[in-house]
Each structure stands twice: as C-alpha cells, then as structure tokens.
Amino acid sequence: MVSMLPLGYLKRQRDGNLDIVEIQIHPRRMAFVIGFGTAPPEGVILPWAKLAQTEVGVSSLAENCRLYANRRFMTWFGSAWTSFYKDQSRHAIESIQKAVSLLPELDEYFGRGAVGPHIKCVCQVIDPTSGQLKSSIRSS
C-alpha cells in the first residue's frame, strides 16, 4: 500500500492558487497514474481537518483529477497483463513517452479548466444542509 502513495509532488503558485501534480505508482505492477488539481488560497476544510494550501494533496481537493492512458477504461500508464511477453524496459519507455505526450491536457486543465479526453475528475462537496458528501464525475 505504501508504494501506491504519491511518488512525488510538483507544485506551482499561479494567481493565488496552487497547482498540484502527483505521480502515483501501482503497488503490484510496473504502472503509474498522474493525479492533479488546484488548491485554493484558503486551503481545504475536510470533516476531520482544515488543511492550509501548502498541506493539501490531490486526494483532499474538492475536484481531484487523474490523467489516464485510456480514460474510458481508467487504464494506468505502464505494463498490463498483455505486456507480459514484451521487452519490459522498452515498454516502460513507451509508457513514459505516452504520458509526456498527454501533458498538454494538464496545461489545458490548469489554464482553462478544460477536461481532455484522457482526464477524469471527481468532484466532492459536503452539502451544508444535510451534511452528506455529494460526488460527481467530470470528463469529456
């Protein structure tokens, strides 16, 4: 489980907001997914804590997104059972190259809020009247 935690955080300040990008590694196979979102200046209030903007991770954001190799099937970048007989090092390089080629979709999200064809966003809000967590999915 520890290996699935974010490998690294990339953060940048932009117009008072904090753009966050995390790379998550799959716990059982050679695969990764890119999680990202924007933390507001006031931080995030969760049912169990109030996090300052600098303490926020992608999973604690009201809208947290992931960049997938294939959004429809939520396919991570990297090896799958079908790549068992392939050259693993070449396959790893191809997976990284594919992820890099899709990074303009992250720029579009951070710049205009656009959700590209490889992105899936989960939006979560606590309803102030009922106190219940409401979730929705935003994708193209």
N, C-alpha and C. Protein backbone atom coordinates (compact mmCIF):
# COMPACT_ATOMS: atom_id res chain seq x y z
N MET A 1 0.82 -1.20 0.00
CA MET A 1 0.00 0.00 0.00
C MET A 1 0.86 1.25 0.00
N VAL A 2 1.97 1.23 0.72
CA VAL A 2 2.83 2.41 0.78
C VAL A 2 3.34 2.78 -0.61
N SER A 3 3.59 1.79 -1.47
CA SER A 3 4.12 2.09 -2.80
C SER A 3 3.10 2.80 -3.69
N MET A 4 1.83 2.81 -3.28
CA MET A 4 0.83 3.50 -4.10
C MET A 4 0.73 4.97 -3.74
N LEU A 5 1.32 5.37 -2.62
CA LEU A 5 1.30 6.77 -2.24
C LEU A 5 2.05 7.57 -3.30
N PRO A 6 1.78 8.85 -3.40
CA PRO A 6 2.44 9.64 -4.45
C PRO A 6 3.96 9.54 -4.40
N LEU A 7 4.54 9.35 -5.56
CA LEU A 7 6.00 9.28 -5.67
C LEU A 7 6.61 10.66 -5.48
N GLY A 8 5.96 11.65 -6.02
CA GLY A 8 6.47 13.00 -5.90
C GLY A 8 5.39 14.01 -6.12
N TYR A 9 5.61 15.19 -5.59
CA TYR A 9 4.67 16.29 -5.75
C TYR A 9 5.34 17.37 -6.59
N LEU A 10 4.64 17.86 -7.55
CA LEU A 10 5.07 19.03 -8.31
C LEU A 10 4.05 20.11 -7.99
N LYS A 11 4.52 21.24 -7.49
CA LYS A 11 3.60 22.31 -7.09
C LYS A 11 4.07 23.63 -7.68
N ARG A 12 3.10 24.45 -8.09
CA ARG A 12 3.43 25.80 -8.56
C ARG A 12 2.31 26.76 -8.19
N GLN A 13 2.71 27.95 -7.76
CA GLN A 13 1.76 29.01 -7.44
C GLN A 13 1.33 29.69 -8.73
N ARG A 14 0.03 29.96 -8.84
CA ARG A 14 -0.50 30.64 -10.02
C ARG A 14 -1.73 31.41 -9.61
N ASP A 15 -1.66 32.73 -9.69
CA ASP A 15 -2.79 33.60 -9.37
C ASP A 15 -3.40 33.30 -8.00
N GLY A 16 -2.56 33.04 -7.00
CA GLY A 16 -3.05 32.75 -5.66
C GLY A 16 -3.40 31.30 -5.43
N ASN A 17 -3.68 30.55 -6.50
CA ASN A 17 -3.97 29.12 -6.39
C ASN A 17 -2.68 28.32 -6.42
N LEU A 18 -2.75 27.08 -5.98
CA LEU A 18 -1.59 26.20 -6.01
C LEU A 18 -1.92 25.00 -6.88
N ASP A 19 -1.25 24.89 -8.03
CA ASP A 19 -1.42 23.73 -8.91
C ASP A 19 -0.58 22.58 -8.34
N ILE A 20 -1.19 21.40 -8.24
CA ILE A 20 -0.51 20.24 -7.66
C ILE A 20 -0.57 19.08 -8.66
N VAL A 21 0.56 18.42 -8.85
CA VAL A 21 0.63 17.22 -9.69
C VAL A 21 1.33 16.14 -8.87
N GLU A 22 0.72 14.95 -8.80
CA GLU A 22 1.29 13.82 -8.07
C GLU A 22 1.44 12.63 -9.02
N ILE A 23 2.51 11.89 -8.88
CA ILE A 23 2.70 10.66 -9.65
C ILE A 23 2.50 9.50 -8.68
N GLN A 24 1.49 8.67 -8.95
CA GLN A 24 1.20 7.52 -8.09
C GLN A 24 1.67 6.24 -8.77
N ILE A 25 2.36 5.41 -8.00
CA ILE A 25 2.89 4.15 -8.50
C ILE A 25 1.96 3.01 -8.08
N HIS A 26 1.69 2.10 -9.01
CA HIS A 26 0.84 0.94 -8.70
C HIS A 26 1.58 0.01 -7.73
N PRO A 27 0.87 -0.55 -6.74
CA PRO A 27 1.55 -1.37 -5.73
C PRO A 27 2.01 -2.75 -6.21
N ARG A 28 1.43 -3.29 -7.30
CA ARG A 28 1.77 -4.65 -7.69
C ARG A 28 2.35 -4.82 -9.09
N ARG A 29 2.35 -3.79 -9.86
CA ARG A 29 2.90 -3.93 -11.21
C ARG A 29 3.59 -2.64 -11.64
N MET A 30 4.30 -2.71 -12.73
CA MET A 30 5.05 -1.57 -13.23
C MET A 30 4.08 -0.62 -13.94
N ALA A 31 3.44 0.28 -13.18
CA ALA A 31 2.46 1.20 -13.76
C ALA A 31 2.35 2.44 -12.88
N PHE A 32 1.89 3.52 -13.50
CA PHE A 32 1.71 4.76 -12.77
C PHE A 32 0.53 5.53 -13.34
N VAL A 33 0.02 6.48 -12.55
CA VAL A 33 -1.05 7.37 -12.98
C VAL A 33 -0.69 8.76 -12.45
N ILE A 34 -1.15 9.79 -13.15
CA ILE A 34 -0.85 11.17 -12.75
C ILE A 34 -2.11 11.80 -12.18
N GLY A 35 -2.04 12.18 -10.91
CA GLY A 35 -3.14 12.86 -10.24
C GLY A 35 -2.84 14.35 -10.17
N PHE A 36 -3.87 15.19 -10.26
CA PHE A 36 -3.61 16.64 -10.24
C PHE A 36 -4.87 17.41 -9.86
N GLY A 37 -4.67 18.66 -9.52
CA GLY A 37 -5.77 19.55 -9.17
C GLY A 37 -5.22 20.89 -8.70
N THR A 38 -6.13 21.77 -8.30
CA THR A 38 -5.76 23.11 -7.87
C THR A 38 -6.28 23.37 -6.47
N ALA A 39 -5.38 23.79 -5.58
CA ALA A 39 -5.75 24.12 -4.20
C ALA A 39 -6.03 25.62 -4.11
N PRO A 40 -7.17 26.02 -3.55
CA PRO A 40 -7.50 27.44 -3.41
C PRO A 40 -6.62 28.10 -2.33
N PRO A 41 -6.52 29.42 -2.36
CA PRO A 41 -5.68 30.14 -1.39
C PRO A 41 -6.04 29.85 0.06
N GLU A 42 -7.34 29.65 0.34
CA GLU A 42 -7.78 29.41 1.73
C GLU A 42 -7.55 27.98 2.20
N GLY A 43 -7.05 27.11 1.33
CA GLY A 43 -6.82 25.72 1.70
C GLY A 43 -8.09 24.91 1.56
N VAL A 44 -8.18 23.82 2.32
CA VAL A 44 -9.30 22.90 2.20
C VAL A 44 -9.80 22.53 3.60
N ILE A 45 -11.11 22.50 3.74
CA ILE A 45 -11.70 22.06 5.00
C ILE A 45 -12.29 20.67 4.78
N LEU A 46 -11.77 19.70 5.52
CA LEU A 46 -12.27 18.33 5.47
C LEU A 46 -13.05 18.06 6.75
N PRO A 47 -13.86 17.01 6.79
CA PRO A 47 -14.61 16.74 8.02
C PRO A 47 -13.72 16.54 9.24
N TRP A 48 -12.48 16.11 9.05
CA TRP A 48 -11.59 15.80 10.17
C TRP A 48 -10.44 16.79 10.32
N ALA A 49 -10.28 17.74 9.38
CA ALA A 49 -9.14 18.67 9.49
C ALA A 49 -9.32 19.86 8.57
N LYS A 50 -8.62 20.93 8.89
CA LYS A 50 -8.52 22.08 8.00
C LYS A 50 -7.07 22.12 7.54
N LEU A 51 -6.87 22.03 6.23
CA LEU A 51 -5.52 22.00 5.68
C LEU A 51 -5.19 23.33 5.03
N ALA A 52 -4.01 23.85 5.34
CA ALA A 52 -3.53 25.04 4.67
C ALA A 52 -3.22 24.68 3.22
N GLN A 53 -3.18 25.69 2.38
CA GLN A 53 -2.94 25.45 0.95
C GLN A 53 -1.67 24.62 0.72
N THR A 54 -0.62 24.88 1.48
CA THR A 54 0.65 24.17 1.30
C THR A 54 0.60 22.73 1.79
N GLU A 55 -0.41 22.35 2.59
CA GLU A 55 -0.54 20.99 3.13
C GLU A 55 -1.44 20.10 2.28
N VAL A 56 -2.14 20.68 1.34
CA VAL A 56 -3.15 19.96 0.56
C VAL A 56 -2.49 19.00 -0.43
N GLY A 57 -3.06 17.79 -0.52
CA GLY A 57 -2.68 16.83 -1.56
C GLY A 57 -3.83 16.70 -2.54
N VAL A 58 -3.59 16.06 -3.65
CA VAL A 58 -4.61 15.95 -4.70
C VAL A 58 -5.87 15.26 -4.17
N SER A 59 -5.72 14.21 -3.38
CA SER A 59 -6.90 13.46 -2.92
C SER A 59 -7.79 14.25 -1.98
N SER A 60 -7.29 15.32 -1.37
CA SER A 60 -8.11 16.11 -0.46
C SER A 60 -8.79 17.30 -1.12
N LEU A 61 -8.60 17.47 -2.42
CA LEU A 61 -9.21 18.58 -3.13
C LEU A 61 -10.68 18.31 -3.45
N ALA A 62 -11.47 19.37 -3.53
CA ALA A 62 -12.88 19.22 -3.89
C ALA A 62 -13.02 18.64 -5.29
N GLU A 63 -12.11 19.01 -6.19
CA GLU A 63 -12.07 18.40 -7.52
C GLU A 63 -10.67 17.84 -7.71
N ASN A 64 -10.57 16.51 -7.73
CA ASN A 64 -9.27 15.89 -7.98
C ASN A 64 -9.35 15.08 -9.27
N CYS A 65 -8.31 15.20 -10.06
CA CYS A 65 -8.33 14.62 -11.41
C CYS A 65 -7.19 13.64 -11.59
N ARG A 66 -7.35 12.78 -12.58
CA ARG A 66 -6.30 11.85 -12.97
C ARG A 66 -6.16 11.85 -14.48
N LEU A 67 -4.91 11.74 -14.91
CA LEU A 67 -4.59 11.58 -16.34
C LEU A 67 -4.33 10.10 -16.56
N TYR A 68 -5.13 9.46 -17.42
CA TYR A 68 -5.02 8.03 -17.69
C TYR A 68 -4.50 7.79 -19.10
N ALA A 69 -3.90 6.62 -19.31
CA ALA A 69 -3.51 6.21 -20.66
C ALA A 69 -4.77 6.03 -21.50
N ASN A 70 -5.84 5.53 -20.87
CA ASN A 70 -7.14 5.36 -21.52
C ASN A 70 -8.19 5.68 -20.47
N ARG A 71 -8.83 6.85 -20.59
CA ARG A 71 -9.78 7.29 -19.57
C ARG A 71 -11.01 6.39 -19.49
N ARG A 72 -11.49 5.92 -20.63
CA ARG A 72 -12.70 5.12 -20.65
C ARG A 72 -12.58 3.88 -19.76
N PHE A 73 -11.42 3.24 -19.81
CA PHE A 73 -11.20 2.04 -19.00
C PHE A 73 -10.34 2.34 -17.77
N MET A 74 -10.05 3.61 -17.52
CA MET A 74 -9.20 4.06 -16.42
C MET A 74 -7.89 3.27 -16.37
N THR A 75 -7.25 3.16 -17.52
CA THR A 75 -6.01 2.41 -17.67
C THR A 75 -4.82 3.25 -17.23
N TRP A 76 -4.02 2.71 -16.34
CA TRP A 76 -2.81 3.39 -15.89
C TRP A 76 -1.74 3.28 -16.98
N PHE A 77 -0.76 4.15 -16.91
CA PHE A 77 0.39 4.07 -17.81
C PHE A 77 1.28 2.93 -17.31
N GLY A 78 1.79 2.12 -18.21
CA GLY A 78 2.70 1.05 -17.81
C GLY A 78 2.21 -0.30 -18.27
N SER A 79 2.78 -1.31 -17.63
CA SER A 79 2.53 -2.67 -18.09
C SER A 79 1.15 -3.18 -17.66
N ALA A 80 0.60 -3.99 -18.49
CA ALA A 80 -0.64 -4.69 -18.21
C ALA A 80 -0.37 -6.18 -18.40
N TRP A 81 -1.35 -7.00 -18.13
CA TRP A 81 -1.12 -8.44 -18.29
C TRP A 81 -0.80 -8.79 -19.73
N THR A 82 -1.25 -7.97 -20.68
CA THR A 82 -0.99 -8.25 -22.10
C THR A 82 0.46 -7.97 -22.48
N SER A 83 1.19 -7.24 -21.65
CA SER A 83 2.58 -6.92 -21.98
C SER A 83 3.57 -7.89 -21.34
N PHE A 84 3.07 -9.02 -20.83
CA PHE A 84 3.91 -9.98 -20.11
C PHE A 84 5.10 -10.45 -20.96
N TYR A 85 4.87 -10.65 -22.24
CA TYR A 85 5.93 -11.19 -23.10
C TYR A 85 6.72 -10.11 -23.82
N LYS A 86 6.42 -8.84 -23.59
CA LYS A 86 7.12 -7.76 -24.26
C LYS A 86 8.42 -7.43 -23.53
N ASP A 87 9.29 -6.72 -24.22
CA ASP A 87 10.50 -6.19 -23.61
C ASP A 87 10.07 -5.12 -22.60
N GLN A 88 10.23 -5.40 -21.30
CA GLN A 88 9.71 -4.53 -20.25
C GLN A 88 10.36 -3.15 -20.24
N SER A 89 11.67 -3.06 -20.50
CA SER A 89 12.31 -1.74 -20.47
C SER A 89 11.82 -0.88 -21.63
N ARG A 90 11.63 -1.47 -22.79
CA ARG A 90 11.11 -0.71 -23.94
C ARG A 90 9.66 -0.29 -23.67
N HIS A 91 8.90 -1.17 -23.07
CA HIS A 91 7.50 -0.87 -22.75
C HIS A 91 7.43 0.27 -21.73
N ALA A 92 8.34 0.28 -20.74
CA ALA A 92 8.37 1.36 -19.73
C ALA A 92 8.67 2.70 -20.40
N ILE A 93 9.61 2.72 -21.31
CA ILE A 93 9.96 3.96 -22.02
C ILE A 93 8.77 4.44 -22.84
N GLU A 94 8.09 3.53 -23.53
CA GLU A 94 6.92 3.91 -24.33
C GLU A 94 5.80 4.47 -23.45
N SER A 95 5.62 3.91 -22.26
CA SER A 95 4.58 4.39 -21.34
C SER A 95 4.89 5.80 -20.86
N ILE A 96 6.15 6.05 -20.55
CA ILE A 96 6.56 7.39 -20.11
C ILE A 96 6.41 8.39 -21.26
N GLN A 97 6.79 7.98 -22.46
CA GLN A 97 6.64 8.86 -23.62
C GLN A 97 5.17 9.19 -23.88
N LYS A 98 4.29 8.21 -23.70
CA LYS A 98 2.86 8.46 -23.89
C LYS A 98 2.35 9.46 -22.86
N ALA A 99 2.75 9.28 -21.60
CA ALA A 99 2.34 10.21 -20.54
C ALA A 99 2.83 11.63 -20.85
N VAL A 100 4.07 11.75 -21.28
CA VAL A 100 4.63 13.08 -21.61
C VAL A 100 3.87 13.69 -22.78
N SER A 101 3.47 12.88 -23.75
CA SER A 101 2.74 13.42 -24.91
C SER A 101 1.36 13.93 -24.52
N LEU A 102 0.81 13.47 -23.39
CA LEU A 102 -0.52 13.89 -22.94
C LEU A 102 -0.47 15.05 -21.95
N LEU A 103 0.72 15.51 -21.57
CA LEU A 103 0.84 16.61 -20.61
C LEU A 103 0.17 17.91 -21.07
N PRO A 104 0.05 18.19 -22.37
CA PRO A 104 -0.71 19.38 -22.77
C PRO A 104 -2.16 19.38 -22.25
N GLU A 105 -2.73 18.21 -22.00
CA GLU A 105 -4.08 18.15 -21.42
C GLU A 105 -4.07 18.73 -19.99
N LEU A 106 -2.98 18.53 -19.25
CA LEU A 106 -2.86 19.12 -17.91
C LEU A 106 -2.76 20.63 -18.02
N ASP A 107 -1.99 21.12 -18.99
CA ASP A 107 -1.88 22.57 -19.20
C ASP A 107 -3.24 23.18 -19.51
N GLU A 108 -4.04 22.49 -20.32
CA GLU A 108 -5.39 22.98 -20.65
C GLU A 108 -6.28 23.02 -19.41
N TYR A 109 -6.13 22.01 -18.55
CA TYR A 109 -6.92 21.98 -17.32
C TYR A 109 -6.52 23.14 -16.42
N PHE A 110 -5.22 23.32 -16.19
CA PHE A 110 -4.77 24.38 -15.31
C PHE A 110 -5.02 25.77 -15.91
N GLY A 111 -4.95 25.88 -17.23
CA GLY A 111 -5.14 27.18 -17.88
C GLY A 111 -6.59 27.58 -18.06
N ARG A 112 -7.44 26.65 -18.54
CA ARG A 112 -8.83 26.99 -18.86
C ARG A 112 -9.86 26.15 -18.11
N GLY A 113 -9.39 25.17 -17.33
CA GLY A 113 -10.33 24.29 -16.64
C GLY A 113 -10.90 23.21 -17.54
N ALA A 114 -10.31 23.06 -18.74
CA ALA A 114 -10.81 22.08 -19.71
C ALA A 114 -10.40 20.66 -19.32
N VAL A 115 -11.32 19.73 -19.49
CA VAL A 115 -11.05 18.32 -19.20
C VAL A 115 -10.87 17.61 -20.54
N GLY A 116 -9.64 17.13 -20.77
CA GLY A 116 -9.31 16.49 -22.04
C GLY A 116 -9.78 15.04 -22.11
N PRO A 117 -9.53 14.39 -23.24
CA PRO A 117 -10.03 13.03 -23.46
C PRO A 117 -9.38 11.95 -22.60
N HIS A 118 -8.25 12.24 -21.94
CA HIS A 118 -7.59 11.25 -21.09
C HIS A 118 -7.72 11.60 -19.60
N ILE A 119 -8.59 12.55 -19.29
CA ILE A 119 -8.72 13.05 -17.91
C ILE A 119 -10.10 12.69 -17.35
N LYS A 120 -10.08 12.31 -16.07
CA LYS A 120 -11.33 12.08 -15.33
C LYS A 120 -11.19 12.82 -14.01
N CYS A 121 -12.18 13.66 -13.69
CA CYS A 121 -12.18 14.43 -12.45
C CYS A 121 -13.33 13.98 -11.57
N VAL A 122 -13.04 13.82 -10.29
CA VAL A 122 -14.07 13.51 -9.30
C VAL A 122 -14.26 14.76 -8.46
N CYS A 123 -15.50 15.23 -8.40
CA CYS A 123 -15.84 16.44 -7.64
C CYS A 123 -16.61 16.00 -6.40
N GLN A 124 -16.16 16.45 -5.24
CA GLN A 124 -16.81 16.09 -3.99
C GLN A 124 -17.09 17.34 -3.17
N VAL A 125 -18.33 17.45 -2.70
CA VAL A 125 -18.73 18.60 -1.89
C VAL A 125 -19.59 18.09 -0.73
N ILE A 126 -19.44 18.73 0.41
CA ILE A 126 -20.31 18.41 1.54
C ILE A 126 -21.50 19.35 1.48
N ASP A 127 -22.70 18.78 1.38
CA ASP A 127 -23.93 19.57 1.34
C ASP A 127 -24.12 20.23 2.70
N PRO A 128 -24.16 21.58 2.74
CA PRO A 128 -24.25 22.27 4.03
C PRO A 128 -25.55 22.01 4.78
N THR A 129 -26.64 21.70 4.08
CA THR A 129 -27.92 21.47 4.76
C THR A 129 -28.03 20.06 5.33
N SER A 130 -27.60 19.05 4.55
CA SER A 130 -27.73 17.66 5.01
C SER A 130 -26.46 17.13 5.66
N GLY A 131 -25.31 17.76 5.34
CA GLY A 131 -24.03 17.27 5.86
C GLY A 131 -23.52 16.05 5.14
N GLN A 132 -24.20 15.67 4.06
CA GLN A 132 -23.80 14.48 3.30
C GLN A 132 -22.79 14.85 2.21
N LEU A 133 -21.92 13.89 1.92
CA LEU A 133 -20.94 14.07 0.85
C LEU A 133 -21.61 13.77 -0.48
N LYS A 134 -21.51 14.71 -1.41
CA LYS A 134 -22.08 14.52 -2.76
C LYS A 134 -20.93 14.48 -3.74
N SER A 135 -20.96 13.51 -4.63
CA SER A 135 -19.90 13.31 -5.62
C SER A 135 -20.46 13.38 -7.03
N SER A 136 -19.64 13.86 -7.94
CA SER A 136 -19.97 13.84 -9.36
C SER A 136 -18.68 13.65 -10.14
N ILE A 137 -18.82 13.24 -11.38
CA ILE A 137 -17.66 13.00 -12.24
C ILE A 137 -17.71 13.95 -13.40
N ARG A 138 -16.55 14.54 -13.70
CA ARG A 138 -16.44 15.45 -14.84
C ARG A 138 -15.43 14.85 -15.80
N SER A 139 -15.85 14.63 -17.04
CA SER A 139 -14.95 14.12 -18.08
C SER A 139 -15.46 14.60 -19.43
N SER A 140 -14.62 14.44 -20.45
CA SER A 140 -15.03 14.95 -21.77
C SER A 140 -15.85 13.92 -22.51
